[in-house]
């Protein structure tokens, strides 16, 4: 029972970190696109 709880917590942490990294990636991509438009 305890091992299952630990696995569930680890999975939750992994998914949260994944969402955070994806959000940062999209923000940086948007910034890069804006910079490209300004440069051209």
C-alpha atoms as a PDB file:
ATOM      1  CA  UNK A   1       0.000   0.000   0.000  1.00  0.00           C
ATOM      2  CA  UNK A   2       2.781   2.447   0.932  1.00  0.00           C
ATOM      3  CA  UNK A   3       4.766   1.664  -2.234  1.00  0.00           C
ATOM      4  CA  UNK A   4       1.667   2.365  -4.369  1.00  0.00           C
ATOM      5  CA  UNK A   5       1.227   5.759  -2.675  1.00  0.00           C
ATOM      6  CA  UNK A   6       4.898   6.628  -3.324  1.00  0.00           C
ATOM      7  CA  UNK A   7       4.538   5.650  -7.014  1.00  0.00           C
ATOM      8  CA  UNK A   8       1.360   7.776  -7.349  1.00  0.00           C
ATOM      9  CA  UNK A   9       3.086  10.794  -5.721  1.00  0.00           C
ATOM     10  CA  UNK A  10       6.121  10.414  -8.016  1.00  0.00           C
ATOM     11  CA  UNK A  11       3.859  10.218 -11.088  1.00  0.00           C
ATOM     12  CA  UNK A  12       1.984  13.342  -9.973  1.00  0.00           C
ATOM     13  CA  UNK A  13       5.274  15.238  -9.482  1.00  0.00           C
ATOM     14  CA  UNK A  14       6.498  14.105 -12.925  1.00  0.00           C
ATOM     15  CA  UNK A  15       3.297  15.267 -14.661  1.00  0.00           C
ATOM     16  CA  UNK A  16       3.412  18.643 -12.866  1.00  0.00           C
ATOM     17  CA  UNK A  17       7.062  19.147 -13.891  1.00  0.00           C
ATOM     18  CA  UNK A  18       6.163  18.144 -17.471  1.00  0.00           C
ATOM     19  CA  UNK A  19       3.354  20.740 -17.618  1.00  0.00           C
ATOM     20  CA  UNK A  20       5.706  23.440 -16.225  1.00  0.00           C
ATOM     21  CA  UNK A  21       8.438  22.642 -18.780  1.00  0.00           C
ATOM     22  CA  UNK A  22       5.902  22.583 -21.652  1.00  0.00           C
ATOM     23  CA  UNK A  23       4.512  25.960 -20.528  1.00  0.00           C
ATOM     24  CA  UNK A  24       8.031  27.479 -20.410  1.00  0.00           C
ATOM     25  CA  UNK A  25       8.781  26.018 -23.868  1.00  0.00           C
ATOM     26  CA  UNK A  26       5.630  27.573 -25.386  1.00  0.00           C
ATOM     27  CA  UNK A  27       6.444  30.958 -23.779  1.00  0.00           C
ATOM     28  CA  UNK A  28       9.998  30.916 -25.175  1.00  0.00           C
ATOM     29  CA  UNK A  29       8.734  29.852 -28.643  1.00  0.00           C
ATOM     30  CA  UNK A  30       6.233  32.759 -28.623  1.00  0.00           C
ATOM     31  CA  UNK A  31       9.042  35.185 -27.670  1.00  0.00           C
ATOM     32  CA  UNK A  32      11.267  33.831 -30.457  1.00  0.00           C
ATOM     33  CA  UNK A  33       8.444  34.184 -33.018  1.00  0.00           C
ATOM     34  CA  UNK A  34       7.822  37.791 -31.924  1.00  0.00           C
ATOM     35  CA  UNK A  35      11.557  38.577 -32.179  1.00  0.00           C
ATOM     36  CA  UNK A  36      11.712  37.054 -35.690  1.00  0.00           C
ATOM     37  CA  UNK A  37       8.775  39.223 -36.851  1.00  0.00           C
ATOM     38  CA  UNK A  38      10.407  42.379 -35.420  1.00  0.00           C
ATOM     39  CA  UNK A  39      13.788  41.601 -37.013  1.00  0.00           C
ATOM     40  CA  UNK A  40      12.231  41.027 -40.472  1.00  0.00           C
END
